[in-house]
Amino acid sequence: MCLINKPVGLTSFAALAAVKRSLATSRVGHAGTLDRFASGLLIAFSGSYCRLAGFAEAGEKVYRGRIAFGRETSTLDPEGETVAEGPIPDPGKLASALESFRGPIVQRPPLYSAVHIDGRRAYERARAGEVPVMPERRVTILELRLESYAMGVA
């Protein structure tokens, strides 16, 4: 097992290339997937240890994000085309809205995600014009907080 600090601009799969080269094996996997526009920790496994990735994925995770309000994109991420614009919420309303996301919730990943649907990534299907049925997932959000708020900062 090794930990990789994946930079922005690199896919999770591409981030494993150095591990594959240094270990001289193609049998390398990772727990979880980070979008190309995200940075963060990837837990990588090699050889027979790849089967342990599911245990790492099942654990609690911590995410920190920066959100730019007022723009909706075709892919629901920073890489898509702008399809709608709207008002920016004030910090008080935003903070109170966070309460509805805490605890056990059901979420559906966006079409442009790395989730596998019948052996292919959802984003590959979406780019090919397909509209796959995205599976619902039950998740529990233990903590969610607004750490800072700045108007006009992207």
N, C-alpha and C. Protein backbone atom coordinates (compact mmCIF):
# COMPACT_ATOMS: atom_id res chain seq x y z
N MET A 1 0.84 -1.17 0.00
CA MET A 1 0.00 0.00 0.00
C MET A 1 0.89 1.24 0.00
N CYS A 2 0.46 2.26 -0.74
CA CYS A 2 1.15 3.55 -0.68
C CYS A 2 0.13 4.66 -0.82
N LEU A 3 0.51 5.84 -0.38
CA LEU A 3 -0.36 7.01 -0.44
C LEU A 3 0.16 7.94 -1.52
N ILE A 4 -0.75 8.42 -2.36
CA ILE A 4 -0.38 9.31 -3.46
C ILE A 4 -1.12 10.63 -3.30
N ASN A 5 -0.40 11.73 -3.36
CA ASN A 5 -1.01 13.05 -3.34
C ASN A 5 -1.32 13.42 -4.79
N LYS A 6 -2.56 13.13 -5.24
CA LYS A 6 -2.94 13.36 -6.63
C LYS A 6 -3.14 14.85 -6.89
N PRO A 7 -2.44 15.40 -7.87
CA PRO A 7 -2.62 16.82 -8.18
C PRO A 7 -3.81 17.06 -9.12
N VAL A 8 -4.26 18.30 -9.18
CA VAL A 8 -5.30 18.71 -10.13
C VAL A 8 -4.78 18.46 -11.54
N GLY A 9 -5.65 18.02 -12.43
CA GLY A 9 -5.30 17.84 -13.83
C GLY A 9 -4.93 16.42 -14.20
N LEU A 10 -4.77 15.57 -13.23
CA LEU A 10 -4.38 14.18 -13.47
C LEU A 10 -5.54 13.28 -13.04
N THR A 11 -5.85 12.25 -13.84
CA THR A 11 -6.87 11.30 -13.42
C THR A 11 -6.30 10.39 -12.35
N SER A 12 -7.17 9.75 -11.59
CA SER A 12 -6.71 8.80 -10.57
C SER A 12 -5.92 7.67 -11.23
N PHE A 13 -6.39 7.21 -12.37
CA PHE A 13 -5.70 6.13 -13.10
C PHE A 13 -4.29 6.57 -13.49
N ALA A 14 -4.16 7.78 -14.03
CA ALA A 14 -2.84 8.28 -14.45
C ALA A 14 -1.90 8.48 -13.26
N ALA A 15 -2.47 8.81 -12.10
CA ALA A 15 -1.64 9.02 -10.92
C ALA A 15 -0.94 7.73 -10.48
N LEU A 16 -1.46 6.59 -10.91
CA LEU A 16 -0.85 5.30 -10.54
C LEU A 16 0.34 4.93 -11.41
N ALA A 17 0.58 5.66 -12.49
CA ALA A 17 1.65 5.31 -13.44
C ALA A 17 3.02 5.19 -12.77
N ALA A 18 3.36 6.11 -11.91
CA ALA A 18 4.68 6.06 -11.25
C ALA A 18 4.80 4.84 -10.35
N VAL A 19 3.70 4.48 -9.69
CA VAL A 19 3.71 3.29 -8.83
C VAL A 19 3.91 2.05 -9.69
N LYS A 20 3.21 1.97 -10.81
CA LYS A 20 3.36 0.82 -11.72
C LYS A 20 4.79 0.69 -12.22
N ARG A 21 5.39 1.83 -12.59
CA ARG A 21 6.78 1.80 -13.08
C ARG A 21 7.75 1.37 -11.99
N SER A 22 7.61 1.96 -10.81
CA SER A 22 8.57 1.66 -9.75
C SER A 22 8.45 0.23 -9.24
N LEU A 23 7.25 -0.34 -9.29
CA LEU A 23 7.07 -1.73 -8.85
C LEU A 23 7.16 -2.73 -10.00
N ALA A 24 7.29 -2.21 -11.22
CA ALA A 24 7.36 -3.05 -12.42
C ALA A 24 6.18 -4.03 -12.50
N THR A 25 4.97 -3.50 -12.27
CA THR A 25 3.77 -4.32 -12.36
C THR A 25 2.62 -3.48 -12.88
N SER A 26 1.68 -4.12 -13.51
CA SER A 26 0.48 -3.41 -13.95
C SER A 26 -0.67 -3.67 -12.98
N ARG A 27 -0.44 -4.56 -12.03
CA ARG A 27 -1.49 -4.89 -11.06
C ARG A 27 -1.43 -3.90 -9.89
N VAL A 28 -1.97 -2.72 -10.16
CA VAL A 28 -2.04 -1.65 -9.16
C VAL A 28 -3.44 -1.08 -9.20
N GLY A 29 -4.02 -0.87 -8.05
CA GLY A 29 -5.35 -0.29 -7.95
C GLY A 29 -5.38 0.77 -6.87
N HIS A 30 -6.54 1.41 -6.74
CA HIS A 30 -6.68 2.46 -5.72
C HIS A 30 -8.06 2.41 -5.10
N ALA A 31 -8.16 2.97 -3.93
CA ALA A 31 -9.43 3.07 -3.22
C ALA A 31 -10.04 4.42 -3.54
N GLY A 32 -11.23 4.42 -4.11
CA GLY A 32 -11.90 5.67 -4.45
C GLY A 32 -11.35 6.26 -5.73
N THR A 33 -12.06 7.23 -6.24
CA THR A 33 -11.64 7.92 -7.47
C THR A 33 -11.80 9.41 -7.26
N LEU A 34 -10.79 10.17 -7.62
CA LEU A 34 -10.87 11.63 -7.57
C LEU A 34 -11.00 12.15 -8.99
N ASP A 35 -11.91 13.09 -9.19
CA ASP A 35 -12.06 13.71 -10.51
C ASP A 35 -10.77 14.38 -10.94
N ARG A 36 -10.64 14.59 -12.23
CA ARG A 36 -9.43 15.22 -12.78
C ARG A 36 -9.23 16.62 -12.20
N PHE A 37 -10.31 17.33 -11.89
CA PHE A 37 -10.19 18.69 -11.37
C PHE A 37 -9.96 18.73 -9.86
N ALA A 38 -9.90 17.56 -9.21
CA ALA A 38 -9.72 17.49 -7.76
C ALA A 38 -8.30 17.06 -7.40
N SER A 39 -7.85 17.52 -6.27
CA SER A 39 -6.58 17.03 -5.72
C SER A 39 -6.90 16.30 -4.43
N GLY A 40 -6.00 15.43 -4.01
CA GLY A 40 -6.23 14.75 -2.75
C GLY A 40 -5.49 13.44 -2.64
N LEU A 41 -5.79 12.73 -1.58
CA LEU A 41 -5.10 11.49 -1.25
C LEU A 41 -5.73 10.30 -1.94
N LEU A 42 -4.90 9.54 -2.64
CA LEU A 42 -5.30 8.25 -3.20
C LEU A 42 -4.57 7.17 -2.43
N ILE A 43 -5.30 6.15 -2.03
CA ILE A 43 -4.67 5.01 -1.37
C ILE A 43 -4.48 3.95 -2.45
N ALA A 44 -3.22 3.62 -2.74
CA ALA A 44 -2.90 2.68 -3.82
C ALA A 44 -2.48 1.33 -3.24
N PHE A 45 -2.83 0.29 -3.98
CA PHE A 45 -2.51 -1.09 -3.59
C PHE A 45 -1.87 -1.78 -4.78
N SER A 46 -1.03 -2.77 -4.52
CA SER A 46 -0.44 -3.53 -5.63
C SER A 46 -0.51 -5.03 -5.34
N GLY A 47 -0.43 -5.79 -6.41
CA GLY A 47 -0.43 -7.25 -6.30
C GLY A 47 -1.66 -7.78 -5.60
N SER A 48 -1.47 -8.76 -4.76
CA SER A 48 -2.60 -9.39 -4.07
C SER A 48 -3.27 -8.45 -3.07
N TYR A 49 -2.60 -7.36 -2.71
CA TYR A 49 -3.19 -6.39 -1.78
C TYR A 49 -4.32 -5.58 -2.43
N CYS A 50 -4.45 -5.63 -3.75
CA CYS A 50 -5.52 -4.90 -4.43
C CYS A 50 -6.89 -5.29 -3.89
N ARG A 51 -7.02 -6.52 -3.44
CA ARG A 51 -8.32 -6.98 -2.94
C ARG A 51 -8.72 -6.27 -1.65
N LEU A 52 -7.80 -5.56 -1.02
CA LEU A 52 -8.10 -4.83 0.21
C LEU A 52 -8.68 -3.44 -0.04
N ALA A 53 -8.68 -2.99 -1.29
CA ALA A 53 -9.14 -1.64 -1.60
C ALA A 53 -10.56 -1.39 -1.12
N GLY A 54 -11.42 -2.39 -1.23
CA GLY A 54 -12.80 -2.23 -0.79
C GLY A 54 -12.92 -1.88 0.69
N PHE A 55 -12.01 -2.41 1.50
CA PHE A 55 -12.03 -2.09 2.93
C PHE A 55 -11.67 -0.63 3.16
N ALA A 56 -10.71 -0.12 2.40
CA ALA A 56 -10.32 1.29 2.53
C ALA A 56 -11.45 2.20 2.06
N GLU A 57 -12.15 1.80 0.99
CA GLU A 57 -13.26 2.61 0.48
C GLU A 57 -14.42 2.67 1.46
N ALA A 58 -14.60 1.63 2.26
CA ALA A 58 -15.73 1.55 3.17
C ALA A 58 -15.57 2.46 4.39
N GLY A 59 -14.38 2.95 4.65
CA GLY A 59 -14.14 3.77 5.83
C GLY A 59 -14.67 5.18 5.69
N GLU A 60 -14.61 5.92 6.79
CA GLU A 60 -15.03 7.32 6.76
C GLU A 60 -14.02 8.15 6.00
N LYS A 61 -14.50 9.19 5.33
CA LYS A 61 -13.65 10.05 4.53
C LYS A 61 -13.90 11.51 4.91
N VAL A 62 -12.93 12.34 4.64
CA VAL A 62 -13.06 13.77 4.87
C VAL A 62 -12.81 14.47 3.53
N TYR A 63 -13.72 15.37 3.18
CA TYR A 63 -13.58 16.15 1.94
C TYR A 63 -13.59 17.62 2.30
N ARG A 64 -12.84 18.38 1.56
CA ARG A 64 -12.86 19.84 1.68
C ARG A 64 -13.01 20.37 0.27
N GLY A 65 -13.93 21.29 0.08
CA GLY A 65 -14.16 21.79 -1.26
C GLY A 65 -14.35 23.29 -1.32
N ARG A 66 -14.18 23.80 -2.49
CA ARG A 66 -14.44 25.21 -2.78
C ARG A 66 -15.57 25.21 -3.81
N ILE A 67 -16.63 25.92 -3.51
CA ILE A 67 -17.80 25.94 -4.37
C ILE A 67 -18.02 27.36 -4.89
N ALA A 68 -18.20 27.47 -6.19
CA ALA A 68 -18.53 28.75 -6.81
C ALA A 68 -20.02 28.71 -7.16
N PHE A 69 -20.83 29.52 -6.50
CA PHE A 69 -22.26 29.56 -6.74
C PHE A 69 -22.59 30.52 -7.88
N GLY A 70 -23.77 30.34 -8.44
CA GLY A 70 -24.27 31.25 -9.46
C GLY A 70 -24.16 30.72 -10.87
N ARG A 71 -23.62 29.52 -11.04
CA ARG A 71 -23.44 28.96 -12.39
C ARG A 71 -23.68 27.46 -12.34
N GLU A 72 -24.55 26.96 -13.24
CA GLU A 72 -24.76 25.53 -13.40
C GLU A 72 -24.11 25.11 -14.71
N THR A 73 -23.42 23.96 -14.69
CA THR A 73 -22.76 23.48 -15.90
C THR A 73 -23.42 22.20 -16.40
N SER A 74 -23.16 21.88 -17.64
CA SER A 74 -23.74 20.69 -18.27
C SER A 74 -23.28 19.40 -17.61
N THR A 75 -22.15 19.43 -16.94
CA THR A 75 -21.60 18.23 -16.30
C THR A 75 -21.67 18.30 -14.78
N LEU A 76 -22.23 19.37 -14.24
CA LEU A 76 -22.33 19.62 -12.80
C LEU A 76 -20.96 19.68 -12.12
N ASP A 77 -19.95 20.07 -12.88
CA ASP A 77 -18.60 20.25 -12.34
C ASP A 77 -17.96 21.44 -13.05
N PRO A 78 -16.76 21.84 -12.65
CA PRO A 78 -16.14 23.04 -13.25
C PRO A 78 -15.76 22.89 -14.72
N GLU A 79 -15.75 21.67 -15.25
CA GLU A 79 -15.29 21.46 -16.61
C GLU A 79 -16.38 21.59 -17.66
N GLY A 80 -17.65 21.63 -17.26
CA GLY A 80 -18.76 21.68 -18.21
C GLY A 80 -19.05 23.07 -18.74
N GLU A 81 -19.90 23.10 -19.75
CA GLU A 81 -20.35 24.38 -20.32
C GLU A 81 -21.43 24.98 -19.42
N THR A 82 -21.44 26.30 -19.27
CA THR A 82 -22.47 26.96 -18.48
C THR A 82 -23.82 26.80 -19.16
N VAL A 83 -24.81 26.28 -18.41
CA VAL A 83 -26.15 26.09 -18.96
C VAL A 83 -27.18 26.97 -18.26
N ALA A 84 -26.83 27.50 -17.09
CA ALA A 84 -27.74 28.39 -16.38
C ALA A 84 -26.95 29.23 -15.38
N GLU A 85 -27.50 30.40 -15.09
CA GLU A 85 -26.91 31.26 -14.07
C GLU A 85 -28.00 31.69 -13.12
N GLY A 86 -27.63 31.95 -11.88
CA GLY A 86 -28.63 32.33 -10.89
C GLY A 86 -28.01 33.17 -9.80
N PRO A 87 -28.85 33.55 -8.84
CA PRO A 87 -28.35 34.39 -7.75
C PRO A 87 -27.44 33.61 -6.81
N ILE A 88 -26.58 34.33 -6.15
CA ILE A 88 -25.66 33.73 -5.18
C ILE A 88 -26.33 33.82 -3.81
N PRO A 89 -26.43 32.69 -3.09
CA PRO A 89 -27.11 32.71 -1.78
C PRO A 89 -26.31 33.49 -0.75
N ASP A 90 -27.04 34.12 0.19
CA ASP A 90 -26.32 34.81 1.26
C ASP A 90 -25.80 33.77 2.25
N PRO A 91 -24.75 34.09 3.00
CA PRO A 91 -24.11 33.10 3.86
C PRO A 91 -25.04 32.50 4.92
N GLY A 92 -25.98 33.27 5.44
CA GLY A 92 -26.91 32.76 6.45
C GLY A 92 -27.81 31.67 5.90
N LYS A 93 -28.39 31.91 4.73
CA LYS A 93 -29.26 30.90 4.11
C LYS A 93 -28.46 29.67 3.71
N LEU A 94 -27.26 29.88 3.25
CA LEU A 94 -26.40 28.77 2.86
C LEU A 94 -26.07 27.89 4.07
N ALA A 95 -25.68 28.50 5.16
CA ALA A 95 -25.34 27.76 6.37
C ALA A 95 -26.54 26.98 6.89
N SER A 96 -27.73 27.57 6.86
CA SER A 96 -28.91 26.86 7.36
C SER A 96 -29.32 25.73 6.42
N ALA A 97 -29.07 25.87 5.12
CA ALA A 97 -29.41 24.81 4.17
C ALA A 97 -28.54 23.57 4.35
N LEU A 98 -27.36 23.74 4.91
CA LEU A 98 -26.45 22.61 5.11
C LEU A 98 -27.06 21.56 6.03
N GLU A 99 -27.93 21.99 6.94
CA GLU A 99 -28.53 21.06 7.91
C GLU A 99 -29.26 19.91 7.22
N SER A 100 -29.91 20.17 6.09
CA SER A 100 -30.67 19.12 5.40
C SER A 100 -29.78 18.06 4.77
N PHE A 101 -28.49 18.31 4.70
CA PHE A 101 -27.55 17.34 4.12
C PHE A 101 -26.84 16.50 5.17
N ARG A 102 -27.01 16.81 6.43
CA ARG A 102 -26.35 16.06 7.50
C ARG A 102 -27.13 14.80 7.83
N GLY A 103 -26.39 13.76 8.24
CA GLY A 103 -27.03 12.50 8.62
C GLY A 103 -27.14 11.56 7.44
N PRO A 104 -27.97 10.52 7.56
CA PRO A 104 -28.13 9.58 6.45
C PRO A 104 -28.95 10.21 5.33
N ILE A 105 -28.45 10.14 4.12
CA ILE A 105 -29.16 10.68 2.95
C ILE A 105 -29.02 9.69 1.78
N VAL A 106 -29.84 9.88 0.77
CA VAL A 106 -29.72 9.11 -0.46
C VAL A 106 -29.22 10.08 -1.52
N GLN A 107 -28.19 9.68 -2.23
CA GLN A 107 -27.66 10.53 -3.30
C GLN A 107 -27.57 9.74 -4.59
N ARG A 108 -27.63 10.46 -5.68
CA ARG A 108 -27.48 9.86 -6.99
C ARG A 108 -26.31 10.56 -7.67
N PRO A 109 -25.25 9.83 -8.03
CA PRO A 109 -24.11 10.47 -8.69
C PRO A 109 -24.53 11.13 -10.00
N PRO A 110 -23.85 12.20 -10.39
CA PRO A 110 -24.17 12.84 -11.67
C PRO A 110 -23.77 11.96 -12.85
N LEU A 111 -24.39 12.21 -14.00
CA LEU A 111 -24.08 11.43 -15.21
C LEU A 111 -22.60 11.49 -15.54
N TYR A 112 -21.99 12.63 -15.33
CA TYR A 112 -20.57 12.79 -15.64
C TYR A 112 -19.73 12.44 -14.41
N SER A 113 -19.81 11.18 -13.99
CA SER A 113 -19.01 10.71 -12.86
C SER A 113 -18.26 9.46 -13.28
N ALA A 114 -17.35 9.03 -12.44
CA ALA A 114 -16.52 7.86 -12.76
C ALA A 114 -17.17 6.54 -12.34
N VAL A 115 -18.41 6.58 -11.88
CA VAL A 115 -19.12 5.37 -11.47
C VAL A 115 -19.23 4.43 -12.67
N HIS A 116 -18.99 3.14 -12.42
CA HIS A 116 -19.13 2.14 -13.49
C HIS A 116 -20.59 1.75 -13.67
N ILE A 117 -21.06 1.79 -14.91
CA ILE A 117 -22.40 1.34 -15.27
C ILE A 117 -22.21 0.27 -16.34
N ASP A 118 -22.52 -0.96 -16.02
CA ASP A 118 -22.36 -2.08 -16.96
C ASP A 118 -20.97 -2.10 -17.59
N GLY A 119 -19.94 -1.94 -16.77
CA GLY A 119 -18.56 -2.08 -17.23
C GLY A 119 -17.93 -0.85 -17.85
N ARG A 120 -18.68 0.25 -17.98
CA ARG A 120 -18.12 1.49 -18.54
C ARG A 120 -18.37 2.64 -17.57
N ARG A 121 -17.48 3.60 -17.58
CA ARG A 121 -17.65 4.78 -16.73
C ARG A 121 -18.87 5.57 -17.19
N ALA A 122 -19.60 6.12 -16.24
CA ALA A 122 -20.80 6.90 -16.57
C ALA A 122 -20.46 8.08 -17.47
N TYR A 123 -19.32 8.76 -17.21
CA TYR A 123 -18.98 9.92 -18.04
C TYR A 123 -18.70 9.52 -19.48
N GLU A 124 -18.16 8.32 -19.70
CA GLU A 124 -17.94 7.85 -21.08
C GLU A 124 -19.27 7.66 -21.79
N ARG A 125 -20.23 7.08 -21.09
CA ARG A 125 -21.57 6.88 -21.67
C ARG A 125 -22.24 8.22 -21.95
N ALA A 126 -22.12 9.16 -21.00
CA ALA A 126 -22.75 10.47 -21.18
C ALA A 126 -22.14 11.22 -22.36
N ARG A 127 -20.83 11.15 -22.51
CA ARG A 127 -20.18 11.83 -23.65
C ARG A 127 -20.55 11.19 -24.98
N ALA A 128 -20.95 9.91 -24.94
CA ALA A 128 -21.38 9.22 -26.16
C ALA A 128 -22.86 9.45 -26.44
N GLY A 129 -23.51 10.28 -25.62
CA GLY A 129 -24.92 10.60 -25.85
C GLY A 129 -25.90 9.70 -25.11
N GLU A 130 -25.40 8.74 -24.36
CA GLU A 130 -26.28 7.87 -23.59
C GLU A 130 -26.71 8.58 -22.30
N VAL A 131 -27.81 8.12 -21.74
CA VAL A 131 -28.28 8.63 -20.46
C VAL A 131 -28.47 7.43 -19.53
N PRO A 132 -27.38 6.98 -18.92
CA PRO A 132 -27.48 5.80 -18.06
C PRO A 132 -28.29 6.09 -16.79
N VAL A 133 -28.93 5.06 -16.25
CA VAL A 133 -29.63 5.19 -14.98
C VAL A 133 -28.58 5.11 -13.88
N MET A 134 -28.47 6.19 -13.15
CA MET A 134 -27.46 6.25 -12.10
C MET A 134 -28.03 5.63 -10.82
N PRO A 135 -27.28 4.72 -10.21
CA PRO A 135 -27.77 4.05 -9.01
C PRO A 135 -27.76 4.98 -7.80
N GLU A 136 -28.81 4.89 -6.98
CA GLU A 136 -28.83 5.66 -5.74
C GLU A 136 -27.87 5.03 -4.75
N ARG A 137 -27.33 5.86 -3.89
CA ARG A 137 -26.43 5.39 -2.84
C ARG A 137 -26.85 6.00 -1.52
N ARG A 138 -26.81 5.18 -0.50
CA ARG A 138 -27.07 5.68 0.85
C ARG A 138 -25.73 6.06 1.47
N VAL A 139 -25.64 7.28 1.94
CA VAL A 139 -24.42 7.75 2.59
C VAL A 139 -24.81 8.46 3.88
N THR A 140 -23.85 8.59 4.76
CA THR A 140 -24.08 9.33 6.00
C THR A 140 -23.04 10.43 6.09
N ILE A 141 -23.53 11.64 6.22
CA ILE A 141 -22.65 12.80 6.36
C ILE A 141 -22.62 13.16 7.84
N LEU A 142 -21.48 12.92 8.46
CA LEU A 142 -21.34 13.14 9.89
C LEU A 142 -21.16 14.61 10.24
N GLU A 143 -20.45 15.33 9.39
CA GLU A 143 -20.18 16.74 9.67
C GLU A 143 -20.14 17.50 8.35
N LEU A 144 -20.75 18.65 8.34
CA LEU A 144 -20.75 19.51 7.15
C LEU A 144 -20.82 20.94 7.65
N ARG A 145 -19.84 21.73 7.27
CA ARG A 145 -19.82 23.10 7.78
C ARG A 145 -19.30 24.07 6.72
N LEU A 146 -19.76 25.29 6.83
CA LEU A 146 -19.29 26.38 6.00
C LEU A 146 -18.10 27.00 6.71
N GLU A 147 -16.91 26.82 6.17
CA GLU A 147 -15.70 27.32 6.83
C GLU A 147 -15.44 28.78 6.52
N SER A 148 -15.75 29.19 5.29
CA SER A 148 -15.57 30.59 4.94
C SER A 148 -16.50 30.93 3.78
N TYR A 149 -16.70 32.22 3.56
CA TYR A 149 -17.58 32.69 2.50
C TYR A 149 -16.99 33.98 1.97
N ALA A 150 -16.77 34.03 0.67
CA ALA A 150 -16.20 35.23 0.07
C ALA A 150 -16.91 35.52 -1.24
N MET A 151 -17.48 36.68 -1.36
CA MET A 151 -18.15 37.08 -2.60
C MET A 151 -17.11 37.35 -3.68
N GLY A 152 -17.39 36.88 -4.88
CA GLY A 152 -16.52 37.16 -6.01
C GLY A 152 -15.25 36.34 -6.07
N VAL A 153 -15.10 35.37 -5.20
CA VAL A 153 -13.90 34.52 -5.21
C VAL A 153 -14.25 33.19 -5.82
N ALA A 154 -13.50 32.79 -6.84
CA ALA A 154 -13.79 31.51 -7.48
C ALA A 154 -12.73 30.50 -7.12
